[in-house]
Amino acid sequence: MSKEPKLMNFSRMRDIFEPHLSHIREHIFLNNELAILHGDSQVFRLIVQQKPPFVIDDHRLGIVMNGELHAYINLVEKTITAGTLIFVGPGTVITPISFTPDLEMYGFGLSGEFPMPFASGQLPMAFNGTQRDFQLPASEADIGIARHIIDTLWHIVHQKYYSRQTVSSIVAAQMYHYDHLYRQHYDRLQTTMTREQTIFDRFIYLVNQNASQHHHIGYYAERMCLTGRYLGTVVRQTSGITAKEWIDRALITRIKVELRHTDKSSAQIADEMNFPSPSFFSRYFKRMTGITAQAYREGSA
């Protein structure tokens, strides 16, 4: 029987951190529902060593206080610098590329067991699923507020008694703070974003959600009520990359996750990802990556 994918979830993080707790205890808090990162880059370094790409199945909010992080987040290459607020949500695929030695991050993650401080269906706009991730350059004052909330949360969880209600309220304050800044950022983008950029962003969102099942531009064009030719032209002109290349990137990333973090056979992955046959799947993977699926699974790349 195939194992479930080893997502970068709380259980996986606990396995990674446990042998190093004596060195990182002052910078990490982790229980079944809440994880807190409080400075230091060693925690991040331990995660990066775990053979990306990674899939996130929870909500994570972070602050980059110092240094710089370079990664692919949901296909798009990002350079995230000091003074940036970060959100990654369920379903996000992350491939870290590099980070500077002075990287200093603060933030928290909320597992599915966390008592969300909002009624069902009432998550703030920034976290309601319309965006899988975002990065917000913020003012020194806004970064200071976010950092102050994290520090307060850190002190609360280290009290003698863990108060879920207090923790939930502080988490709500941070989420509302991010949502307020996200709405401001979104409103500014709406006034300056071209129609072409809007089309491209929608295309990338759909590709991240559907590429494992839908491998051709026609599906996305139909979903967006556009012709395939027009969508392809807009995507190429906006990003410098063809629509097919974006779809292939997403599909290959998903395949890599399955190969690295499950024991599913190539035939099973091929079937689940809507390839016509295992042999077609094998040829496709080798053509896109330069190595066989088996070689990738064994760690050759």
C-alpha atoms as a PDB file:
ATOM      1  CA  MET A   1       0.000   0.000   0.000  1.00  0.00           C
ATOM      2  CA  SER A   2       1.337   3.447  -0.903  1.00  0.00           C
ATOM      3  CA  LYS A   3       2.213   5.815   1.889  1.00  0.00           C
ATOM      4  CA  GLU A   4       0.694   9.240   2.031  1.00  0.00           C
ATOM      5  CA  PRO A   5       2.980  12.011   0.724  1.00  0.00           C
ATOM      6  CA  LYS A   6       5.412  13.271   3.352  1.00  0.00           C
ATOM      7  CA  LEU A   7       4.145  16.813   3.391  1.00  0.00           C
ATOM      8  CA  MET A   8       6.162  19.408   5.247  1.00  0.00           C
ATOM      9  CA  ASN A   9       3.537  19.260   8.000  1.00  0.00           C
ATOM     10  CA  PHE A  10       3.845  19.361  11.783  1.00  0.00           C
ATOM     11  CA  SER A  11       4.612  15.654  12.120  1.00  0.00           C
ATOM     12  CA  ARG A  12       7.374  15.891   9.521  1.00  0.00           C
ATOM     13  CA  MET A  13       8.848  19.021  11.134  1.00  0.00           C
ATOM     14  CA  ARG A  14       8.888  17.303  14.523  1.00  0.00           C
ATOM     15  CA  ASP A  15      10.864  14.400  13.045  1.00  0.00           C
ATOM     16  CA  ILE A  16      13.362  16.858  11.528  1.00  0.00           C
ATOM     17  CA  PHE A  17      13.801  19.039  14.606  1.00  0.00           C
ATOM     18  CA  GLU A  18      13.884  16.406  17.342  1.00  0.00           C
ATOM     19  CA  PRO A  19      17.568  15.414  16.970  1.00  0.00           C
ATOM     20  CA  HIS A  20      18.562  19.106  17.104  1.00  0.00           C
ATOM     21  CA  LEU A  21      16.348  20.387  19.912  1.00  0.00           C
ATOM     22  CA  SER A  22      19.242  21.171  22.229  1.00  0.00           C
ATOM     23  CA  HIS A  23      20.505  23.719  19.666  1.00  0.00           C
ATOM     24  CA  ILE A  24      17.243  25.213  18.409  1.00  0.00           C
ATOM     25  CA  ARG A  25      14.952  25.101  21.452  1.00  0.00           C
ATOM     26  CA  GLU A  26      15.322  28.856  21.966  1.00  0.00           C
ATOM     27  CA  HIS A  27      13.999  29.499  18.457  1.00  0.00           C
ATOM     28  CA  ILE A  28      11.236  26.933  17.885  1.00  0.00           C
ATOM     29  CA  PHE A  29       7.942  26.040  19.550  1.00  0.00           C
ATOM     30  CA  LEU A  30       5.892  23.115  18.259  1.00  0.00           C
ATOM     31  CA  ASN A  31       2.809  21.298  19.487  1.00  0.00           C
ATOM     32  CA  ASN A  32       0.028  19.509  17.574  1.00  0.00           C
ATOM     33  CA  GLU A  33      -1.693  22.704  16.452  1.00  0.00           C
ATOM     34  CA  LEU A  34       0.824  25.533  16.475  1.00  0.00           C
ATOM     35  CA  ALA A  35       4.421  26.038  15.361  1.00  0.00           C
ATOM     36  CA  ILE A  36       6.396  29.219  16.045  1.00  0.00           C
ATOM     37  CA  LEU A  37       9.725  30.214  14.515  1.00  0.00           C
ATOM     38  CA  HIS A  38      11.451  32.910  16.570  1.00  0.00           C
ATOM     39  CA  GLY A  39      14.516  34.113  14.680  1.00  0.00           C
ATOM     40  CA  ASP A  40      17.645  32.181  13.665  1.00  0.00           C
ATOM     41  CA  SER A  41      18.185  30.556  10.272  1.00  0.00           C
ATOM     42  CA  GLN A  42      19.264  27.118  11.518  1.00  0.00           C
ATOM     43  CA  VAL A  43      15.653  25.916  11.694  1.00  0.00           C
ATOM     44  CA  PHE A  44      15.119  26.911   8.069  1.00  0.00           C
ATOM     45  CA  ARG A  45      18.425  25.302   7.098  1.00  0.00           C
ATOM     46  CA  LEU A  46      17.299  21.964   8.556  1.00  0.00           C
ATOM     47  CA  ILE A  47      14.126  22.051   6.464  1.00  0.00           C
ATOM     48  CA  VAL A  48      15.944  22.966   3.246  1.00  0.00           C
ATOM     49  CA  GLN A  49      18.124  19.865   3.649  1.00  0.00           C
ATOM     50  CA  GLN A  50      15.090  17.561   3.349  1.00  0.00           C
ATOM     51  CA  LYS A  51      15.010  17.087  -0.453  1.00  0.00           C
ATOM     52  CA  PRO A  52      12.578  19.658  -1.885  1.00  0.00           C
ATOM     53  CA  PRO A  53      10.099  20.321  -3.403  1.00  0.00           C
ATOM     54  CA  PHE A  54       7.816  20.526  -0.373  1.00  0.00           C
ATOM     55  CA  VAL A  55       4.050  20.675  -0.116  1.00  0.00           C
ATOM     56  CA  ILE A  56       2.433  22.741   2.658  1.00  0.00           C
ATOM     57  CA  ASP A  57      -0.945  21.639   4.017  1.00  0.00           C
ATOM     58  CA  ASP A  58      -1.510  24.372   6.587  1.00  0.00           C
ATOM     59  CA  HIS A  59      -1.502  28.174   7.034  1.00  0.00           C
ATOM     60  CA  ARG A  60       1.857  29.878   7.676  1.00  0.00           C
ATOM     61  CA  LEU A  61       2.549  33.545   8.264  1.00  0.00           C
ATOM     62  CA  GLY A  62       6.095  34.862   8.434  1.00  0.00           C
ATOM     63  CA  ILE A  63       8.278  37.957   8.656  1.00  0.00           C
ATOM     64  CA  VAL A  64      11.704  38.310   7.048  1.00  0.00           C
ATOM     65  CA  MET A  65      13.582  40.608   9.416  1.00  0.00           C
ATOM     66  CA  ASN A  66      17.069  40.270   7.933  1.00  0.00           C
ATOM     67  CA  GLY A  67      18.757  38.628   4.972  1.00  0.00           C
ATOM     68  CA  GLU A  68      17.261  37.272   1.780  1.00  0.00           C
ATOM     69  CA  LEU A  69      15.481  34.116   0.643  1.00  0.00           C
ATOM     70  CA  HIS A  70      15.336  32.805  -2.936  1.00  0.00           C
ATOM     71  CA  ALA A  71      12.746  30.127  -3.804  1.00  0.00           C
ATOM     72  CA  TYR A  72      10.129  28.885  -6.216  1.00  0.00           C
ATOM     73  CA  ILE A  73       6.722  29.311  -4.601  1.00  0.00           C
ATOM     74  CA  ASN A  74       3.828  27.842  -6.573  1.00  0.00           C
ATOM     75  CA  LEU A  75       5.967  27.809  -9.739  1.00  0.00           C
ATOM     76  CA  VAL A  76       6.985  31.464  -9.568  1.00  0.00           C
ATOM     77  CA  GLU A  77      10.577  32.354  -8.732  1.00  0.00           C
ATOM     78  CA  LYS A  78      10.681  34.761  -5.787  1.00  0.00           C
ATOM     79  CA  THR A  79      13.422  36.757  -4.100  1.00  0.00           C
ATOM     80  CA  ILE A  80      12.151  37.743  -0.664  1.00  0.00           C
ATOM     81  CA  THR A  81      14.084  40.417   1.187  1.00  0.00           C
ATOM     82  CA  ALA A  82      14.105  41.923   4.673  1.00  0.00           C
ATOM     83  CA  GLY A  83      10.982  43.909   5.467  1.00  0.00           C
ATOM     84  CA  THR A  84       8.587  41.428   3.838  1.00  0.00           C
ATOM     85  CA  LEU A  85       5.530  39.702   5.280  1.00  0.00           C
ATOM     86  CA  ILE A  86       4.908  36.209   3.869  1.00  0.00           C
ATOM     87  CA  PHE A  87       1.881  33.943   3.691  1.00  0.00           C
ATOM     88  CA  VAL A  88       1.799  30.390   2.326  1.00  0.00           C
ATOM     89  CA  GLY A  89      -1.414  28.388   2.490  1.00  0.00           C
ATOM     90  CA  PRO A  90      -2.632  24.827   2.004  1.00  0.00           C
ATOM     91  CA  GLY A  91      -1.516  23.271  -1.268  1.00  0.00           C
ATOM     92  CA  THR A  92       1.500  25.540  -1.697  1.00  0.00           C
ATOM     93  CA  VAL A  93       4.530  23.913  -3.337  1.00  0.00           C
ATOM     94  CA  ILE A  94       7.894  25.359  -2.298  1.00  0.00           C
ATOM     95  CA  THR A  95      11.341  24.677  -3.763  1.00  0.00           C
ATOM     96  CA  PRO A  96      13.986  26.620  -1.803  1.00  0.00           C
ATOM     97  CA  ILE A  97      16.932  27.727  -3.919  1.00  0.00           C
ATOM     98  CA  SER A  98      19.190  29.674  -1.581  1.00  0.00           C
ATOM     99  CA  PHE A  99      19.268  32.013   1.395  1.00  0.00           C
ATOM    100  CA  THR A 100      21.834  34.379   2.812  1.00  0.00           C
ATOM    101  CA  PRO A 101      23.763  33.491   6.000  1.00  0.00           C
ATOM    102  CA  ASP A 102      22.129  36.378   7.875  1.00  0.00           C
ATOM    103  CA  LEU A 103      18.559  35.214   7.180  1.00  0.00           C
ATOM    104  CA  GLU A 104      16.369  35.918  10.198  1.00  0.00           C
ATOM    105  CA  MET A 105      12.695  34.930  10.106  1.00  0.00           C
ATOM    106  CA  TYR A 106       9.816  34.989  12.571  1.00  0.00           C
ATOM    107  CA  GLY A 107       6.403  33.471  12.098  1.00  0.00           C
ATOM    108  CA  PHE A 108       3.904  30.767  12.923  1.00  0.00           C
ATOM    109  CA  GLY A 109       2.088  27.851  11.329  1.00  0.00           C
ATOM    110  CA  LEU A 110      -1.422  26.628  12.082  1.00  0.00           C
ATOM    111  CA  SER A 111      -2.254  22.947  11.645  1.00  0.00           C
ATOM    112  CA  GLY A 112      -5.708  21.652  10.811  1.00  0.00           C
ATOM    113  CA  GLU A 113      -6.271  21.097  14.534  1.00  0.00           C
ATOM    114  CA  PHE A 114      -5.801  24.758  15.398  1.00  0.00           C
ATOM    115  CA  PRO A 115      -9.023  26.428  16.646  1.00  0.00           C
ATOM    116  CA  MET A 116      -9.316  29.090  13.950  1.00  0.00           C
ATOM    117  CA  PRO A 117     -10.670  32.308  15.509  1.00  0.00           C
ATOM    118  CA  PHE A 118     -13.224  32.794  12.726  1.00  0.00           C
ATOM    119  CA  ALA A 119     -16.616  31.333  11.947  1.00  0.00           C
ATOM    120  CA  SER A 120     -16.806  28.732   9.184  1.00  0.00           C
ATOM    121  CA  GLY A 121     -16.451  30.423   5.806  1.00  0.00           C
ATOM    122  CA  GLN A 122     -15.507  33.750   7.412  1.00  0.00           C
ATOM    123  CA  LEU A 123     -11.731  33.755   7.036  1.00  0.00           C
ATOM    124  CA  PRO A 124     -10.334  37.208   6.164  1.00  0.00           C
ATOM    125  CA  MET A 125     -10.005  37.772   2.420  1.00  0.00           C
ATOM    126  CA  ALA A 126      -6.232  37.248   2.418  1.00  0.00           C
ATOM    127  CA  PHE A 127      -6.653  33.678   3.721  1.00  0.00           C
ATOM    128  CA  ASN A 128      -9.906  32.488   2.161  1.00  0.00           C
ATOM    129  CA  GLY A 129      -8.234  30.459  -0.586  1.00  0.00           C
ATOM    130  CA  THR A 130      -8.254  32.986  -3.413  1.00  0.00           C
ATOM    131  CA  GLN A 131      -4.484  33.287  -2.916  1.00  0.00           C
ATOM    132  CA  ARG A 132      -2.267  30.322  -2.116  1.00  0.00           C
ATOM    133  CA  ASP A 133       0.587  32.627  -1.202  1.00  0.00           C
ATOM    134  CA  PHE A 134       1.584  36.271  -1.099  1.00  0.00           C
ATOM    135  CA  GLN A 135       4.567  38.415  -0.147  1.00  0.00           C
ATOM    136  CA  LEU A 136       3.975  41.951   1.113  1.00  0.00           C
ATOM    137  CA  PRO A 137       6.766  44.540   1.304  1.00  0.00           C
ATOM    138  CA  ALA A 138       5.802  46.459   4.436  1.00  0.00           C
ATOM    139  CA  SER A 139       6.781  49.669   6.194  1.00  0.00           C
ATOM    140  CA  GLU A 140       9.043  49.601   9.224  1.00  0.00           C
ATOM    141  CA  ALA A 141       6.028  50.401  11.406  1.00  0.00           C
ATOM    142  CA  ASP A 142       3.922  47.560   9.984  1.00  0.00           C
ATOM    143  CA  ILE A 143       6.814  45.111  10.307  1.00  0.00           C
ATOM    144  CA  GLY A 144       7.225  46.273  13.903  1.00  0.00           C
ATOM    145  CA  ILE A 145       3.573  45.535  14.679  1.00  0.00           C
ATOM    146  CA  ALA A 146       3.803  42.056  13.154  1.00  0.00           C
ATOM    147  CA  ARG A 147       6.997  41.333  15.088  1.00  0.00           C
ATOM    148  CA  HIS A 148       5.437  42.585  18.338  1.00  0.00           C
ATOM    149  CA  ILE A 149       2.482  40.213  17.868  1.00  0.00           C
ATOM    150  CA  ILE A 150       4.851  37.284  17.248  1.00  0.00           C
ATOM    151  CA  ASP A 151       6.867  38.154  20.358  1.00  0.00           C
ATOM    152  CA  THR A 152       3.666  38.285  22.416  1.00  0.00           C
ATOM    153  CA  LEU A 153       2.586  34.895  21.075  1.00  0.00           C
ATOM    154  CA  TRP A 154       6.025  33.458  21.860  1.00  0.00           C
ATOM    155  CA  HIS A 155       5.814  34.619  25.487  1.00  0.00           C
ATOM    156  CA  ILE A 156       2.228  33.390  25.912  1.00  0.00           C
ATOM    157  CA  VAL A 157       2.984  29.810  24.793  1.00  0.00           C
ATOM    158  CA  HIS A 158       5.852  29.644  27.278  1.00  0.00           C
ATOM    159  CA  GLN A 159       3.663  30.388  30.276  1.00  0.00           C
ATOM    160  CA  LYS A 160       2.997  27.585  32.766  1.00  0.00           C
ATOM    161  CA  TYR A 161      -0.454  26.904  31.340  1.00  0.00           C
ATOM    162  CA  TYR A 162      -1.180  26.896  27.609  1.00  0.00           C
ATOM    163  CA  SER A 163      -4.313  28.968  26.947  1.00  0.00           C
ATOM    164  CA  ARG A 164      -5.818  28.054  23.556  1.00  0.00           C
ATOM    165  CA  GLN A 165      -8.259  30.967  23.734  1.00  0.00           C
ATOM    166  CA  THR A 166      -5.491  33.502  24.333  1.00  0.00           C
ATOM    167  CA  VAL A 167      -3.296  31.966  21.636  1.00  0.00           C
ATOM    168  CA  SER A 168      -6.210  31.949  19.178  1.00  0.00           C
ATOM    169  CA  SER A 169      -6.941  35.620  19.865  1.00  0.00           C
ATOM    170  CA  ILE A 170      -3.328  36.648  19.258  1.00  0.00           C
ATOM    171  CA  VAL A 171      -3.251  34.632  16.030  1.00  0.00           C
ATOM    172  CA  ALA A 172      -6.441  36.433  14.969  1.00  0.00           C
ATOM    173  CA  ALA A 173      -4.764  39.796  15.583  1.00  0.00           C
ATOM    174  CA  GLN A 174      -1.864  38.846  13.291  1.00  0.00           C
ATOM    175  CA  MET A 175      -4.172  37.528  10.582  1.00  0.00           C
ATOM    176  CA  TYR A 176      -6.243  40.717  10.667  1.00  0.00           C
ATOM    177  CA  HIS A 177      -3.029  42.761  10.475  1.00  0.00           C
ATOM    178  CA  TYR A 178      -1.875  40.838   7.399  1.00  0.00           C
ATOM    179  CA  ASP A 179      -5.341  41.014   5.864  1.00  0.00           C
ATOM    180  CA  HIS A 180      -5.466  44.803   6.289  1.00  0.00           C
ATOM    181  CA  LEU A 181      -2.093  45.194   4.552  1.00  0.00           C
ATOM    182  CA  TYR A 182      -3.030  42.659   1.863  1.00  0.00           C
ATOM    183  CA  ARG A 183      -6.218  44.574   1.045  1.00  0.00           C
ATOM    184  CA  GLN A 184      -4.255  47.822   0.722  1.00  0.00           C
ATOM    185  CA  HIS A 185      -1.721  46.092  -1.514  1.00  0.00           C
ATOM    186  CA  TYR A 186      -4.463  44.445  -3.577  1.00  0.00           C
ATOM    187  CA  ASP A 187      -6.282  47.740  -4.077  1.00  0.00           C
ATOM    188  CA  ARG A 188      -3.071  49.410  -5.295  1.00  0.00           C
ATOM    189  CA  LEU A 189      -2.420  46.550  -7.693  1.00  0.00           C
ATOM    190  CA  GLN A 190      -5.928  46.754  -9.091  1.00  0.00           C
ATOM    191  CA  THR A 191      -5.378  50.374 -10.095  1.00  0.00           C
ATOM    192  CA  THR A 192      -2.062  49.683 -11.839  1.00  0.00           C
ATOM    193  CA  MET A 193      -2.332  46.102 -13.096  1.00  0.00           C
ATOM    194  CA  THR A 194      -2.916  45.676 -16.804  1.00  0.00           C
ATOM    195  CA  ARG A 195      -5.521  43.317 -18.220  1.00  0.00           C
ATOM    196  CA  GLU A 196      -2.683  41.106 -19.452  1.00  0.00           C
ATOM    197  CA  GLN A 197      -1.153  40.809 -15.984  1.00  0.00           C
ATOM    198  CA  THR A 198      -4.561  39.955 -14.523  1.00  0.00           C
ATOM    199  CA  ILE A 199      -5.002  37.214 -17.130  1.00  0.00           C
ATOM    200  CA  PHE A 200      -1.533  35.838 -16.415  1.00  0.00           C
ATOM    201  CA  ASP A 201      -2.082  35.766 -12.640  1.00  0.00           C
ATOM    202  CA  ARG A 202      -5.383  33.937 -13.099  1.00  0.00           C
ATOM    203  CA  PHE A 203      -3.702  31.450 -15.427  1.00  0.00           C
ATOM    204  CA  ILE A 204      -0.946  30.686 -12.903  1.00  0.00           C
ATOM    205  CA  TYR A 205      -3.534  30.235 -10.152  1.00  0.00           C
ATOM    206  CA  LEU A 206      -5.462  27.719 -12.255  1.00  0.00           C
ATOM    207  CA  VAL A 207      -2.298  25.883 -13.309  1.00  0.00           C
ATOM    208  CA  ASN A 208      -1.237  25.466  -9.680  1.00  0.00           C
ATOM    209  CA  GLN A 209      -4.604  23.931  -8.903  1.00  0.00           C
ATOM    210  CA  ASN A 210      -5.132  21.753 -11.981  1.00  0.00           C
ATOM    211  CA  ALA A 211      -1.895  20.876 -13.796  1.00  0.00           C
ATOM    212  CA  SER A 212      -1.711  17.354 -12.373  1.00  0.00           C
ATOM    213  CA  GLN A 213      -4.945  16.517 -14.235  1.00  0.00           C
ATOM    214  CA  HIS A 214      -5.063  18.981 -17.135  1.00  0.00           C
ATOM    215  CA  HIS A 215      -1.923  19.201 -19.274  1.00  0.00           C
ATOM    216  CA  HIS A 216      -3.088  21.329 -22.198  1.00  0.00           C
ATOM    217  CA  ILE A 217      -3.708  25.039 -22.629  1.00  0.00           C
ATOM    218  CA  GLY A 218      -7.197  24.471 -24.020  1.00  0.00           C
ATOM    219  CA  TYR A 219      -8.556  23.558 -20.591  1.00  0.00           C
ATOM    220  CA  TYR A 220      -7.298  26.800 -19.055  1.00  0.00           C
ATOM    221  CA  ALA A 221      -8.459  28.929 -21.948  1.00  0.00           C
ATOM    222  CA  GLU A 222     -11.946  27.466 -21.622  1.00  0.00           C
ATOM    223  CA  ARG A 223     -11.992  28.089 -17.867  1.00  0.00           C
ATOM    224  CA  MET A 224     -11.027  31.728 -18.527  1.00  0.00           C
ATOM    225  CA  CYS A 225     -13.431  32.170 -21.455  1.00  0.00           C
ATOM    226  CA  LEU A 226     -10.550  32.965 -23.823  1.00  0.00           C
ATOM    227  CA  THR A 227      -9.233  31.389 -26.975  1.00  0.00           C
ATOM    228  CA  GLY A 228      -6.154  29.230 -26.571  1.00  0.00           C
ATOM    229  CA  ARG A 229      -4.248  31.399 -29.018  1.00  0.00           C
ATOM    230  CA  TYR A 230      -4.994  34.622 -27.154  1.00  0.00           C
ATOM    231  CA  LEU A 231      -4.181  33.118 -23.747  1.00  0.00           C
ATOM    232  CA  GLY A 232      -0.911  31.717 -25.082  1.00  0.00           C
ATOM    233  CA  THR A 233       0.068  35.090 -26.534  1.00  0.00           C
ATOM    234  CA  VAL A 234      -0.710  36.956 -23.287  1.00  0.00           C
ATOM    235  CA  VAL A 235       1.173  34.470 -21.115  1.00  0.00           C
ATOM    236  CA  ARG A 236       4.260  34.542 -23.357  1.00  0.00           C
ATOM    237  CA  GLN A 237       4.299  38.338 -23.634  1.00  0.00           C
ATOM    238  CA  THR A 238       3.743  38.848 -19.893  1.00  0.00           C
ATOM    239  CA  SER A 239       6.189  36.277 -18.537  1.00  0.00           C
ATOM    240  CA  GLY A 240       8.584  35.483 -21.387  1.00  0.00           C
ATOM    241  CA  ILE A 241       7.616  31.821 -20.973  1.00  0.00           C
ATOM    242  CA  THR A 242       5.022  29.893 -22.956  1.00  0.00           C
ATOM    243  CA  ALA A 243       1.819  28.627 -21.368  1.00  0.00           C
ATOM    244  CA  LYS A 244       2.889  25.047 -22.086  1.00  0.00           C
ATOM    245  CA  GLU A 245       6.150  25.599 -20.214  1.00  0.00           C
ATOM    246  CA  TRP A 246       4.241  26.862 -17.152  1.00  0.00           C
ATOM    247  CA  ILE A 247       1.970  23.811 -17.259  1.00  0.00           C
ATOM    248  CA  ASP A 248       4.980  21.500 -17.621  1.00  0.00           C
ATOM    249  CA  ARG A 249       6.722  23.192 -14.673  1.00  0.00           C
ATOM    250  CA  ALA A 250       3.728  22.605 -12.437  1.00  0.00           C
ATOM    251  CA  LEU A 251       3.271  19.027 -13.595  1.00  0.00           C
ATOM    252  CA  ILE A 252       6.933  18.093 -13.180  1.00  0.00           C
ATOM    253  CA  THR A 253       7.006  19.660  -9.705  1.00  0.00           C
ATOM    254  CA  ARG A 254       3.998  17.576  -8.641  1.00  0.00           C
ATOM    255  CA  ILE A 255       5.562  14.426 -10.096  1.00  0.00           C
ATOM    256  CA  LYS A 256       8.805  15.115  -8.200  1.00  0.00           C
ATOM    257  CA  VAL A 257       6.882  15.402  -4.935  1.00  0.00           C
ATOM    258  CA  GLU A 258       5.260  12.016  -5.571  1.00  0.00           C
ATOM    259  CA  LEU A 259       8.536  10.352  -6.563  1.00  0.00           C
ATOM    260  CA  ARG A 260      10.525  11.745  -3.648  1.00  0.00           C
ATOM    261  CA  HIS A 261       7.979  11.498  -0.858  1.00  0.00           C
ATOM    262  CA  THR A 262       5.768   8.457  -1.613  1.00  0.00           C
ATOM    263  CA  ASP A 263       6.344   4.855  -2.620  1.00  0.00           C
ATOM    264  CA  LYS A 264       3.803   4.991  -5.456  1.00  0.00           C
ATOM    265  CA  SER A 265       4.930   3.237  -8.616  1.00  0.00           C
ATOM    266  CA  SER A 266       5.486   5.196 -11.803  1.00  0.00           C
ATOM    267  CA  ALA A 267       2.446   3.418 -13.260  1.00  0.00           C
ATOM    268  CA  GLN A 268       0.277   4.610 -10.366  1.00  0.00           C
ATOM    269  CA  ILE A 269       1.543   8.189 -10.631  1.00  0.00           C
ATOM    270  CA  ALA A 270       0.983   8.116 -14.391  1.00  0.00           C
ATOM    271  CA  ASP A 271      -2.608   6.985 -13.881  1.00  0.00           C
ATOM    272  CA  GLU A 272      -3.359   9.495 -11.101  1.00  0.00           C
ATOM    273  CA  MET A 273      -1.912  12.335 -13.182  1.00  0.00           C
ATOM    274  CA  ASN A 274      -3.895  11.504 -16.271  1.00  0.00           C
ATOM    275  CA  PHE A 275      -1.097  10.254 -18.556  1.00  0.00           C
ATOM    276  CA  PRO A 276      -2.234   7.910 -21.352  1.00  0.00           C
ATOM    277  CA  SER A 277       0.248   5.192 -20.317  1.00  0.00           C
ATOM    278  CA  PRO A 278       3.199   4.529 -17.971  1.00  0.00           C
ATOM    279  CA  SER A 279       5.587   4.520 -20.924  1.00  0.00           C
ATOM    280  CA  PHE A 280       4.336   7.935 -22.061  1.00  0.00           C
ATOM    281  CA  PHE A 281       4.815   9.185 -18.484  1.00  0.00           C
ATOM    282  CA  SER A 282       8.389   7.842 -18.363  1.00  0.00           C
ATOM    283  CA  ARG A 283       9.329   9.425 -21.678  1.00  0.00           C
ATOM    284  CA  TYR A 284       7.779  12.731 -20.643  1.00  0.00           C
ATOM    285  CA  PHE A 285       9.651  12.856 -17.330  1.00  0.00           C
ATOM    286  CA  LYS A 286      13.003  12.047 -18.927  1.00  0.00           C
ATOM    287  CA  ARG A 287      12.456  14.576 -21.726  1.00  0.00           C
ATOM    288  CA  MET A 288      11.613  17.316 -19.194  1.00  0.00           C
ATOM    289  CA  THR A 289      14.307  16.556 -16.604  1.00  0.00           C
ATOM    290  CA  GLY A 290      17.073  14.719 -18.451  1.00  0.00           C
ATOM    291  CA  ILE A 291      16.935  11.707 -16.102  1.00  0.00           C
ATOM    292  CA  THR A 292      14.591   8.789 -15.552  1.00  0.00           C
ATOM    293  CA  ALA A 293      11.901   8.826 -12.890  1.00  0.00           C
ATOM    294  CA  GLN A 294      13.680   5.976 -11.098  1.00  0.00           C
ATOM    295  CA  ALA A 295      16.990   7.850 -11.041  1.00  0.00           C
ATOM    296  CA  TYR A 296      15.250  10.908  -9.592  1.00  0.00           C
ATOM    297  CA  ARG A 297      13.544   8.776  -6.940  1.00  0.00           C
ATOM    298  CA  GLU A 298      16.901   7.298  -5.934  1.00  0.00           C
ATOM    299  CA  GLY A 299      18.331  10.760  -5.415  1.00  0.00           C
ATOM    300  CA  SER A 300      20.361  11.248  -8.574  1.00  0.00           C
ATOM    301  CA  ALA A 301      19.114  14.849  -8.852  1.00  0.00           C
END
